[in-house]
Amino acid sequence: MATLLPPPKRQKVYHGIPEPVPEPPKPCPNVVVQFVSEDDGQPLAPAVNLPADVSREGLEALVNKLNTKDDDPVPFSFHIALPADATTAGAPTRIAITKSIEQDVLAHPSQHFTAEDVFVVRCSPQAVFRVRPATRCSSTLSGHTSPILCAAFSPTGNLLATGSGDCNARLWDLSTETPSHVLSGHKGWVLCVEWEAMERKLATGGHDGHVRLWDPKTGKPMGDALKGHTKWVTSLSWEPVHLNPSAPRLASSSKDGTVRVWSVATRVCEYALGGHTASVNIVRWGGGGVDGKGVLYTASSDRTIRVWDANGGRLLHTLKDHAHWVTTLTLNTDFVLRTGPYDHTGKKSASDSEAQSLALARYNALASANGETLISGSDDHTLFFWSLFPARAASGAAHAAAARGGKLKPVARLTGHQRQVAHVAFSPDGRWAASAAWDNSVRVWDGRTGKFVATLRGHIAAVYRLTWSADSRLLVSASKDSTVKIWDLKTYKLKTDLPGHTDEVYCVDFVADKIVSGGRDRTVKIWKN
């Protein structure tokens, strides 16, 4: 039998019109690209001539190939700074490269760049692990009978503590997403909860002016309340692990204008810091300071920020630049101090000294470049960026400044919010800072210089709290409009909206790849991927 040939292919019919000519591929211009490090502005490699349509992944592979210093490939994010004359007020000041130079930069609406320019691409190394963005609510935990005022993850991320207006704090087990213990003892609202960075103790501060300590394993109180404040406790902060791993002290600030430092082992108040003439709104125990022995930063409604030597309580500086109450404060080392020896690998340390060395290594890795910097936010609608204890490895000028006690003028004034600033938070790697305000917006700033980067709009009411993912790629905000929103820092747009709360969301926190939020509807919601 003869071989059957398949029938000839039918020609496409274009209904009387000749077949259109296939489009030739557009010629792609070659561009000269200079990769520079975002940390110090040093070139990572000689300038290279590339086709403009090389993808972002291709650029990343190229930088890792050219950059001979690191053995393992590092993920990078790339951006190009817009010159001052090309930016419009309120628009982002840099272009993130997400697809390719051709699509992101040459086609940018500002039309500022042409293929003839030399493109200075700033590369910032990203965390080597990636946090999955949450997309759904996996549990809604009820139990509190009043609005939830504060929430904090334990350093390992296994437990969550919440404090509420029903005078109780509660512990929740995050691996099973179930209630674990009720901590009752306060006679007023529980306003703040703070974990010791080794996760052995939990401190709560209440509207009754008492500070209480709890054992998170059993949920039992560790002795009686620490009494001394005459008005309610506004914030708590533990001594960092790398300074005192075995028996860290606890600092509490209060509406009565004082800060008390408690020795937890002997349960006595070591010293009280007077000097503020109005409510102290927030206290932070930093790891820097004179010879790196630790400092206390306190921000108050008397419009000042005071910096104290943590050993003895000597006043080092008074910063008087704000024109209204100072309500919020963040250190670039906050995340490292809070998680102590626990990093993303989740290893447990065998002894206190090992934990101390791990925590010290993590702290130094972050603080070596810029020293310990802080950003303060105020009801005068502005924020100030301070660098009081410059990096030890810096130039002679910095040494002279350190001898004088650092730089007492703010490095930068962060303006742009139209209403009071509610919260400010540094990202865990210290590269970014974000501020939330009553003007419904979140603003992102460069964490090294304090320069404005972008505004994140989307909330329709005041934004109360912010939190960052551990890899510094995602920013989460909680708002009066009853939603929690996740923002994408590549596009400066909304990534995921997490509706579900039925009333204002007062607190939010991010651990591993879970987000926890609580608020006026008295429920704790856990969101995950």
Protein backbone atom coordinates (compact mmCIF):
# COMPACT_ATOMS: atom_id res chain seq x y z
CA MET A 1 0.00 0.00 0.00
CA ALA A 2 1.38 3.40 -0.94
CA THR A 3 2.47 5.69 1.85
CA LEU A 4 -0.24 8.17 2.77
CA LEU A 5 1.05 11.71 2.91
CA PRO A 6 -0.64 14.10 5.32
CA PRO A 7 -2.90 16.58 3.54
CA PRO A 8 -1.18 19.85 2.62
CA LYS A 9 -1.40 22.58 5.28
CA ARG A 10 -4.26 24.98 4.68
CA GLN A 11 -3.13 28.50 4.05
CA LYS A 12 -4.51 31.05 6.51
CA VAL A 13 -7.23 33.09 4.87
CA TYR A 14 -7.13 36.81 5.56
CA HIS A 15 -10.48 37.45 3.83
CA GLY A 16 -9.13 39.09 0.73
CA ILE A 17 -6.32 41.02 2.45
CA PRO A 18 -2.73 39.96 1.77
CA GLU A 19 -0.99 38.30 4.72
CA PRO A 20 0.57 40.91 7.05
CA VAL A 21 4.35 41.02 7.10
CA PRO A 22 5.67 39.60 10.42
CA GLU A 23 7.05 42.39 12.60
CA PRO A 24 10.83 42.48 12.61
CA PRO A 25 12.23 42.40 16.17
CA LYS A 26 12.89 45.94 17.37
CA PRO A 27 16.57 46.82 17.37
CA CYS A 28 17.74 46.90 20.96
CA PRO A 29 20.23 49.65 21.84
CA ASN A 30 23.44 48.81 23.65
CA VAL A 31 24.01 50.78 26.84
CA VAL A 32 27.02 51.34 29.06
CA VAL A 33 26.31 50.23 32.62
CA GLN A 34 28.40 50.96 35.70
CA PHE A 35 27.48 48.79 38.70
CA VAL A 36 28.17 50.51 42.03
CA SER A 37 27.61 49.25 45.55
CA GLU A 38 24.83 51.00 47.39
CA ASP A 39 26.72 50.74 50.68
CA ASP A 40 29.75 52.85 49.83
CA GLY A 41 29.24 53.93 46.21
CA GLN A 42 32.36 52.03 45.10
CA PRO A 43 32.23 50.46 41.62
CA LEU A 44 31.73 46.69 41.84
CA ALA A 45 33.15 46.10 38.37
CA PRO A 46 34.47 48.07 35.39
CA ALA A 47 31.80 49.69 33.20
CA VAL A 48 30.32 47.17 30.76
CA ASN A 49 28.51 47.54 27.44
CA LEU A 50 25.28 45.50 27.44
CA PRO A 51 22.16 45.12 25.35
CA ALA A 52 19.44 47.12 27.12
CA ASP A 53 17.06 44.16 27.21
CA VAL A 54 19.18 41.98 29.52
CA SER A 55 16.77 40.79 32.20
CA ARG A 56 17.14 41.58 35.90
CA GLU A 57 18.22 37.98 36.55
CA GLY A 58 20.86 38.38 33.85
CA LEU A 59 22.18 41.54 35.50
CA GLU A 60 22.31 39.72 38.83
CA ALA A 61 24.29 36.83 37.36
CA LEU A 62 26.62 39.31 35.66
CA VAL A 63 27.33 41.26 38.86
CA ASN A 64 28.03 38.04 40.74
CA LYS A 65 30.38 36.96 37.94
CA LEU A 66 32.24 40.28 37.82
CA ASN A 67 32.33 40.78 41.58
CA THR A 68 35.14 38.47 42.64
CA LYS A 69 35.00 39.30 46.35
CA ASP A 70 32.10 36.99 47.30
CA ASP A 71 32.31 33.27 46.62
CA ASP A 72 28.62 32.45 46.83
CA PRO A 73 26.23 34.23 44.49
CA VAL A 74 24.30 36.93 46.34
CA PRO A 75 20.83 38.10 45.31
CA PHE A 76 20.90 41.81 44.41
CA SER A 77 18.26 44.43 43.90
CA PHE A 78 19.06 47.15 41.35
CA HIS A 79 17.93 50.73 41.10
CA ILE A 80 18.89 53.93 39.31
CA ALA A 81 18.58 57.24 41.12
CA LEU A 82 16.53 59.89 39.33
CA PRO A 83 18.32 63.25 39.18
CA ALA A 84 16.72 65.97 41.28
CA ASP A 85 15.48 67.95 38.26
CA ALA A 86 13.64 64.94 36.81
CA THR A 87 11.58 64.04 39.88
CA THR A 88 8.18 65.51 40.59
CA ALA A 89 7.28 66.26 44.18
CA GLY A 90 5.97 63.20 45.98
CA ALA A 91 6.97 60.77 43.23
CA PRO A 92 9.57 58.06 43.89
CA THR A 93 13.16 59.33 43.70
CA ARG A 94 14.59 56.16 42.18
CA ILE A 95 13.64 53.63 39.52
CA ALA A 96 13.82 50.01 40.61
CA ILE A 97 14.90 47.67 37.81
CA THR A 98 12.43 44.78 37.89
CA LYS A 99 12.40 43.58 34.25
CA SER A 100 15.24 45.12 32.24
CA ILE A 101 16.93 48.48 31.70
CA GLU A 102 15.02 48.92 28.46
CA GLN A 103 11.56 48.37 29.95
CA ASP A 104 12.11 50.09 33.29
CA VAL A 105 14.51 52.97 32.61
CA LEU A 106 14.46 53.87 28.92
CA ALA A 107 10.66 53.62 28.87
CA HIS A 108 10.28 55.54 32.16
CA PRO A 109 7.63 58.28 31.89
CA SER A 110 10.11 60.97 32.95
CA GLN A 111 11.89 60.38 29.57
CA HIS A 112 15.06 61.49 31.30
CA PHE A 113 17.30 58.64 30.17
CA THR A 114 18.51 57.90 26.65
CA ALA A 115 20.57 55.02 25.33
CA GLU A 116 23.59 57.36 25.14
CA ASP A 117 23.83 57.85 28.92
CA VAL A 118 26.11 55.91 31.21
CA PHE A 119 23.74 54.13 33.59
CA VAL A 120 24.96 54.06 37.17
CA VAL A 121 23.10 51.06 38.56
CA ARG A 122 23.14 50.85 42.35
CA CYS A 123 23.24 47.28 43.65
CA SER A 124 22.13 46.43 47.15
CA PRO A 125 22.63 42.86 48.33
CA GLN A 126 19.46 41.18 49.56
CA ALA A 127 18.96 38.62 52.31
CA VAL A 128 19.88 35.13 51.13
CA PHE A 129 16.60 33.74 52.47
CA ARG A 130 13.19 34.85 51.26
CA VAL A 131 10.02 35.35 53.28
CA ARG A 132 6.84 34.20 51.57
CA PRO A 133 4.23 36.96 51.49
CA ALA A 134 1.03 36.14 53.35
CA THR A 135 -2.12 35.85 51.28
CA ARG A 136 -4.82 34.46 53.57
CA CYS A 137 -5.99 34.42 57.16
CA SER A 138 -5.17 31.00 58.58
CA SER A 139 -6.63 31.49 62.08
CA THR A 140 -8.83 33.91 63.93
CA LEU A 141 -8.24 33.49 67.66
CA SER A 142 -10.72 34.94 70.10
CA GLY A 143 -10.22 35.07 73.85
CA HIS A 144 -9.61 38.67 74.77
CA THR A 145 -12.76 40.45 75.89
CA SER A 146 -11.48 43.95 75.10
CA PRO A 147 -9.53 45.53 72.24
CA ILE A 148 -6.01 44.15 71.75
CA LEU A 149 -3.53 46.95 72.34
CA CYS A 150 -0.14 45.33 71.74
CA ALA A 151 1.31 42.18 70.22
CA ALA A 152 4.87 40.86 70.05
CA PHE A 153 6.47 37.69 68.74
CA SER A 154 9.00 35.82 70.79
CA PRO A 155 12.55 35.93 69.37
CA THR A 156 12.35 32.39 67.98
CA GLY A 157 8.90 33.03 66.57
CA ASN A 158 7.29 30.12 68.42
CA LEU A 159 5.11 32.17 70.75
CA LEU A 160 3.08 35.33 70.50
CA ALA A 161 2.17 37.60 73.40
CA THR A 162 -0.76 40.01 73.24
CA GLY A 163 -1.92 42.58 75.76
CA SER A 164 -5.44 43.87 75.95
CA GLY A 165 -7.84 46.25 77.63
CA ASP A 166 -9.32 43.33 79.60
CA CYS A 167 -6.32 43.56 82.02
CA ASN A 168 -4.89 40.25 80.75
CA ALA A 169 -1.99 39.36 78.54
CA ARG A 170 -2.25 36.13 76.58
CA LEU A 171 0.30 33.74 75.12
CA TRP A 172 -0.45 31.95 71.85
CA ASP A 173 1.39 28.97 70.39
CA LEU A 174 2.21 29.82 66.79
CA SER A 175 3.11 26.36 65.53
CA THR A 176 -0.39 25.09 66.32
CA GLU A 177 -2.05 28.54 66.25
CA THR A 178 -3.83 27.89 69.55
CA PRO A 179 -4.07 29.75 72.89
CA SER A 180 -1.36 28.73 75.32
CA HIS A 181 -1.68 30.74 78.58
CA VAL A 182 -3.60 33.62 80.10
CA LEU A 183 -1.40 35.98 82.13
CA SER A 184 -3.67 37.72 84.61
CA GLY A 185 -2.47 40.04 87.34
CA HIS A 186 -2.61 43.60 86.04
CA LYS A 187 -5.32 45.82 87.48
CA GLY A 188 -5.57 47.96 84.35
CA TRP A 189 -5.16 47.70 80.61
CA VAL A 190 -2.02 45.90 79.44
CA LEU A 191 -0.32 48.55 77.31
CA CYS A 192 2.97 46.92 76.30
CA VAL A 193 4.53 43.46 76.10
CA GLU A 194 8.23 42.85 75.53
CA TRP A 195 10.18 39.59 75.21
CA GLU A 196 13.62 39.08 76.61
CA ALA A 197 15.80 38.22 73.60
CA MET A 198 16.64 34.75 74.94
CA GLU A 199 12.91 34.01 75.29
CA ARG A 200 13.20 33.09 78.98
CA LYS A 201 11.02 35.90 80.30
CA LEU A 202 8.20 38.13 79.17
CA ALA A 203 7.58 41.59 80.61
CA THR A 204 4.24 43.39 80.53
CA GLY A 205 3.48 46.97 81.49
CA GLY A 206 0.05 48.16 82.51
CA HIS A 207 -2.18 51.14 82.98
CA ASP A 208 -1.90 50.45 86.73
CA GLY A 209 1.76 51.57 86.64
CA HIS A 210 3.05 48.06 87.38
CA VAL A 211 5.58 46.03 85.43
CA ARG A 212 5.10 42.27 85.64
CA LEU A 213 7.40 39.41 84.65
CA TRP A 214 6.16 36.04 83.41
CA ASP A 215 7.64 32.66 82.64
CA PRO A 216 6.47 31.92 79.08
CA LYS A 217 6.82 28.14 79.48
CA THR A 218 4.36 27.86 82.35
CA GLY A 219 2.46 31.14 82.05
CA LYS A 220 3.09 31.79 85.76
CA PRO A 221 4.15 35.17 87.15
CA MET A 222 7.79 35.43 88.25
CA GLY A 223 7.24 37.01 91.64
CA ASP A 224 5.12 40.06 92.35
CA ALA A 225 4.73 43.20 90.25
CA LEU A 226 7.60 45.71 90.03
CA LYS A 227 6.06 48.83 91.56
CA GLY A 228 7.39 52.36 91.51
CA HIS A 229 5.79 54.25 88.64
CA THR A 230 3.03 56.61 89.70
CA LYS A 231 1.29 56.60 86.30
CA TRP A 232 0.88 54.07 83.53
CA VAL A 233 3.77 52.32 81.79
CA THR A 234 4.22 53.43 78.17
CA SER A 235 6.99 51.14 76.94
CA LEU A 236 9.50 48.47 77.98
CA SER A 237 12.93 47.49 76.72
CA TRP A 238 15.33 44.69 77.72
CA GLU A 239 19.10 44.94 77.92
CA PRO A 240 20.62 43.39 74.75
CA VAL A 241 21.90 39.81 74.93
CA HIS A 242 25.38 40.70 73.68
CA LEU A 243 25.88 42.95 76.72
CA ASN A 244 24.32 40.77 79.40
CA PRO A 245 23.20 37.28 78.37
CA SER A 246 22.52 35.72 81.77
CA ALA A 247 20.55 38.34 83.71
CA PRO A 248 19.51 41.23 81.48
CA ARG A 249 17.98 44.28 83.11
CA LEU A 250 14.69 45.83 82.08
CA ALA A 251 13.90 49.49 81.41
CA SER A 252 10.36 50.83 81.71
CA SER A 253 9.15 54.30 80.73
CA SER A 254 6.04 55.89 82.12
CA LYS A 255 3.53 58.68 81.78
CA ASP A 256 4.93 60.02 85.08
CA GLY A 257 7.99 61.33 83.20
CA THR A 258 10.52 58.83 84.56
CA VAL A 259 12.32 55.76 83.28
CA ARG A 260 13.12 53.00 85.74
CA VAL A 261 15.77 50.35 85.23
CA TRP A 262 15.00 47.13 87.09
CA SER A 263 17.41 44.41 88.05
CA VAL A 264 15.29 41.37 87.30
CA ALA A 265 17.27 38.96 89.49
CA THR A 266 16.92 41.02 92.68
CA ARG A 267 13.63 42.69 91.61
CA VAL A 268 14.80 46.13 92.71
CA CYS A 269 14.85 49.37 90.78
CA GLU A 270 18.56 50.00 90.12
CA TYR A 271 18.00 53.65 89.26
CA ALA A 272 15.33 55.98 87.97
CA LEU A 273 15.99 58.54 85.25
CA GLY A 274 14.34 61.86 85.99
CA GLY A 275 14.89 64.85 83.77
CA HIS A 276 12.01 64.66 81.35
CA THR A 277 9.29 67.13 82.27
CA ALA A 278 6.42 65.23 80.63
CA SER A 279 5.37 61.69 79.74
CA VAL A 280 8.18 59.46 78.43
CA ASN A 281 6.54 57.79 75.44
CA ILE A 282 9.15 55.26 74.44
CA VAL A 283 12.39 53.77 75.73
CA ARG A 284 14.94 51.80 73.68
CA TRP A 285 18.00 50.00 75.05
CA GLY A 286 20.69 50.32 72.40
CA GLY A 287 23.89 48.35 72.17
CA GLY A 288 26.14 51.25 71.20
CA GLY A 289 27.26 54.17 73.27
CA VAL A 290 30.49 54.88 75.11
CA ASP A 291 32.79 51.87 74.48
CA GLY A 292 29.74 49.92 73.34
CA LYS A 293 28.49 49.35 76.89
CA GLY A 294 24.87 50.16 76.12
CA VAL A 295 22.75 53.31 76.11
CA LEU A 296 19.13 54.16 76.82
CA TYR A 297 17.24 56.34 74.36
CA THR A 298 14.09 57.97 75.72
CA ALA A 299 11.60 60.10 73.79
CA SER A 300 9.15 62.29 75.59
CA SER A 301 6.19 64.63 75.30
CA ASP A 302 8.47 67.45 76.51
CA ARG A 303 9.70 67.53 72.85
CA THR A 304 13.13 66.11 73.67
CA ILE A 305 14.99 62.86 73.19
CA ARG A 306 17.48 62.03 75.90
CA VAL A 307 20.36 59.59 75.65
CA TRP A 308 21.63 58.01 78.89
CA ASP A 309 24.55 55.81 79.79
CA ALA A 310 22.89 52.51 80.70
CA ASN A 311 25.42 51.80 83.44
CA GLY A 312 24.61 54.31 86.14
CA GLY A 313 22.11 56.44 84.27
CA ARG A 314 24.35 59.41 83.43
CA LEU A 315 22.76 61.79 80.92
CA LEU A 316 24.86 61.86 77.73
CA HIS A 317 22.82 64.01 75.33
CA THR A 318 19.59 65.94 75.09
CA LEU A 319 18.26 66.32 71.54
CA LYS A 320 15.89 69.26 71.25
CA ASP A 321 14.97 69.58 67.58
CA HIS A 322 11.34 68.47 67.54
CA ALA A 323 8.61 71.08 67.87
CA HIS A 324 5.99 68.79 69.42
CA TRP A 325 5.66 65.54 71.39
CA VAL A 326 8.09 62.82 70.32
CA THR A 327 5.94 59.71 70.10
CA THR A 328 7.99 57.08 68.31
CA LEU A 329 11.61 56.02 67.98
CA THR A 330 13.42 53.30 66.07
CA LEU A 331 17.02 52.06 66.02
CA ASN A 332 18.62 50.49 62.96
CA THR A 333 19.60 47.63 65.30
CA ASP A 334 16.08 47.05 66.69
CA PHE A 335 15.52 43.72 64.97
CA VAL A 336 18.93 42.30 65.88
CA LEU A 337 18.59 43.40 69.51
CA ARG A 338 15.12 41.94 69.72
CA THR A 339 15.99 38.54 68.26
CA GLY A 340 19.38 38.29 70.00
CA PRO A 341 21.16 35.07 69.05
CA TYR A 342 18.33 33.68 66.87
CA ASP A 343 18.73 34.23 63.15
CA HIS A 344 16.73 32.83 60.23
CA THR A 345 18.34 29.38 60.54
CA GLY A 346 16.67 28.84 63.93
CA LYS A 347 19.70 27.28 65.68
CA LYS A 348 19.63 27.12 69.47
CA SER A 349 22.72 28.16 71.39
CA ALA A 350 24.04 25.77 74.01
CA SER A 351 25.22 28.29 76.60
CA ASP A 352 24.86 31.94 77.56
CA SER A 353 28.38 32.76 76.38
CA GLU A 354 27.73 31.19 72.98
CA ALA A 355 24.48 33.13 72.70
CA GLN A 356 26.37 36.28 73.65
CA SER A 357 28.99 35.80 70.95
CA LEU A 358 26.32 35.00 68.33
CA ALA A 359 24.32 38.08 69.28
CA LEU A 360 27.45 40.24 69.30
CA ALA A 361 28.45 39.03 65.84
CA ARG A 362 24.98 39.84 64.48
CA TYR A 363 25.00 43.25 66.15
CA ASN A 364 28.46 44.16 64.86
CA ALA A 365 27.66 43.00 61.34
CA LEU A 366 24.83 45.52 61.24
CA ALA A 367 26.39 48.38 63.19
CA SER A 368 29.86 48.22 61.63
CA ALA A 369 28.95 50.31 58.58
CA ASN A 370 27.02 53.21 60.06
CA GLY A 371 27.13 52.73 63.80
CA GLU A 372 23.86 52.73 65.69
CA THR A 373 21.50 55.28 64.16
CA LEU A 374 18.03 56.28 65.23
CA ILE A 375 14.99 57.93 63.71
CA SER A 376 12.49 59.77 65.89
CA GLY A 377 8.96 60.68 64.83
CA SER A 378 6.83 63.39 66.31
CA ASP A 379 3.44 65.06 66.33
CA ASP A 380 5.08 67.98 64.50
CA HIS A 381 4.60 65.84 61.32
CA THR A 382 8.34 65.34 60.83
CA LEU A 383 11.01 62.79 61.64
CA PHE A 384 14.68 63.31 62.43
CA PHE A 385 17.52 60.96 61.54
CA TRP A 386 20.31 60.90 64.15
CA SER A 387 23.74 59.33 64.17
CA LEU A 388 25.05 59.87 67.69
CA PHE A 389 27.61 57.09 67.88
CA PRO A 390 29.35 56.89 64.50
CA ALA A 391 30.90 53.64 63.34
CA ARG A 392 34.14 52.83 65.12
CA ALA A 393 35.90 52.03 61.86
CA ALA A 394 35.19 55.42 60.33
CA SER A 395 37.53 58.30 59.59
CA GLY A 396 39.35 60.61 61.99
CA ALA A 397 36.53 63.14 61.88
CA ALA A 398 34.19 60.50 63.19
CA HIS A 399 36.67 59.69 65.96
CA ALA A 400 36.79 63.33 66.97
CA ALA A 401 32.99 63.39 66.96
CA ALA A 402 32.90 60.21 69.01
CA ALA A 403 35.27 61.76 71.52
CA ARG A 404 32.95 64.76 71.78
CA GLY A 405 30.05 62.34 72.05
CA GLY A 406 28.85 61.93 68.48
CA LYS A 407 26.94 64.28 66.25
CA LEU A 408 24.31 66.19 68.15
CA LYS A 409 22.64 67.77 65.15
CA PRO A 410 20.32 65.52 63.18
CA VAL A 411 21.81 64.10 59.99
CA ALA A 412 18.56 64.68 58.13
CA ARG A 413 15.06 66.02 58.62
CA LEU A 414 12.46 63.72 57.07
CA THR A 415 9.52 65.83 55.94
CA GLY A 416 6.49 65.09 53.83
CA HIS A 417 3.84 63.73 56.18
CA GLN A 418 0.80 65.99 56.44
CA ARG A 419 -0.32 64.82 59.90
CA GLN A 420 1.19 63.40 63.09
CA VAL A 421 3.62 60.50 62.72
CA ALA A 422 2.24 57.38 64.39
CA HIS A 423 5.09 54.90 64.03
CA VAL A 424 8.51 54.56 62.45
CA ALA A 425 10.44 51.33 61.90
CA PHE A 426 13.84 50.45 60.46
CA SER A 427 14.06 47.36 58.27
CA PRO A 428 16.02 44.46 59.83
CA ASP A 429 19.03 45.05 57.57
CA GLY A 430 19.01 48.79 58.32
CA ARG A 431 18.81 49.76 54.62
CA TRP A 432 15.29 51.19 54.79
CA ALA A 433 13.10 52.96 57.24
CA ALA A 434 9.35 53.38 56.98
CA SER A 435 7.07 55.82 58.75
CA ALA A 436 3.31 55.67 59.17
CA ALA A 437 1.17 58.69 59.88
CA TRP A 438 -2.33 59.94 60.49
CA ASP A 439 -2.40 61.26 56.90
CA ASN A 440 -3.23 57.69 55.68
CA SER A 441 0.17 57.25 54.03
CA VAL A 442 3.33 55.27 54.62
CA ARG A 443 6.63 56.81 53.55
CA VAL A 444 9.79 54.86 52.80
CA TRP A 445 13.19 56.44 53.48
CA ASP A 446 16.76 55.42 52.81
CA GLY A 447 17.97 53.94 56.11
CA ARG A 448 21.55 55.19 55.68
CA THR A 449 21.01 58.81 54.65
CA GLY A 450 17.40 59.53 55.55
CA LYS A 451 16.60 60.54 51.96
CA PHE A 452 13.00 60.17 50.78
CA VAL A 453 12.39 57.13 48.56
CA ALA A 454 8.65 56.74 47.98
CA THR A 455 5.15 57.18 49.39
CA LEU A 456 2.88 54.16 49.74
CA ARG A 457 -0.76 55.12 49.36
CA GLY A 458 -3.76 52.84 49.71
CA HIS A 459 -5.03 53.11 53.26
CA ILE A 460 -8.15 55.22 53.65
CA ALA A 461 -7.64 56.08 57.33
CA ALA A 462 -4.77 56.66 59.75
CA VAL A 463 -1.96 54.08 59.66
CA TYR A 464 -1.11 52.98 63.20
CA ARG A 465 1.68 50.40 63.02
CA LEU A 466 4.35 49.03 60.69
CA THR A 467 6.43 45.89 60.70
CA TRP A 468 9.04 44.45 58.33
CA SER A 469 9.66 40.90 57.20
CA ALA A 470 12.97 39.44 58.38
CA ASP A 471 14.45 39.64 54.87
CA SER A 472 13.56 43.37 54.57
CA ARG A 473 11.70 42.77 51.31
CA LEU A 474 8.14 43.23 52.58
CA LEU A 475 6.58 46.00 54.64
CA VAL A 476 3.29 45.49 56.48
CA SER A 477 1.03 48.25 57.77
CA ALA A 478 -1.99 48.15 60.09
CA SER A 479 -4.58 50.85 59.94
CA LYS A 480 -7.68 52.40 61.38
CA ASP A 481 -9.49 51.36 58.16
CA SER A 482 -9.56 47.75 59.52
CA THR A 483 -7.14 46.34 56.94
CA VAL A 484 -3.60 45.05 57.04
CA LYS A 485 -1.65 45.75 53.85
CA ILE A 486 1.57 44.25 52.48
CA TRP A 487 3.63 46.57 50.28
CA ASP A 488 5.98 45.60 47.50
CA LEU A 489 9.25 47.52 47.70
CA LYS A 490 10.17 46.86 44.07
CA THR A 491 7.24 48.82 42.68
CA TYR A 492 6.26 50.85 45.80
CA LYS A 493 2.71 49.60 45.24
CA LEU A 494 0.29 47.49 47.22
CA LYS A 495 1.22 43.80 47.02
CA THR A 496 -1.55 42.18 49.06
CA ASP A 497 -4.53 43.56 50.93
CA LEU A 498 -5.54 41.54 54.00
CA PRO A 499 -9.08 42.52 54.96
CA GLY A 500 -10.90 40.57 57.65
CA HIS A 501 -10.80 42.60 60.83
CA THR A 502 -14.15 44.21 61.56
CA ASP A 503 -12.69 47.29 63.27
CA GLU A 504 -9.48 49.29 63.66
CA VAL A 505 -6.22 47.28 63.70
CA TYR A 506 -3.98 48.49 66.52
CA CYS A 507 -1.01 46.16 66.34
CA VAL A 508 0.77 43.99 63.80
CA ASP A 509 3.93 41.89 63.90
CA PHE A 510 5.78 39.72 61.39
CA VAL A 511 7.72 36.54 62.15
CA ALA A 512 9.14 33.97 59.71
CA ASP A 513 6.32 33.93 57.18
CA LYS A 514 3.42 34.65 59.50
CA ILE A 515 1.84 38.02 60.14
CA VAL A 516 -0.19 38.54 63.30
CA SER A 517 -2.59 41.41 63.81
CA GLY A 518 -4.95 42.42 66.58
CA GLY A 519 -7.22 45.33 67.24
CA ARG A 520 -10.48 46.71 68.36
CA ASP A 521 -12.52 43.69 67.25
CA ARG A 522 -10.84 41.69 70.08
CA THR A 523 -9.52 38.92 67.81
CA VAL A 524 -6.00 37.89 66.92
CA LYS A 525 -5.65 37.03 63.25
CA ILE A 526 -2.76 35.00 61.86
CA TRP A 527 -2.03 35.48 58.16
CA LYS A 528 0.23 33.28 56.12
CA ASN A 529 1.10 32.17 52.64
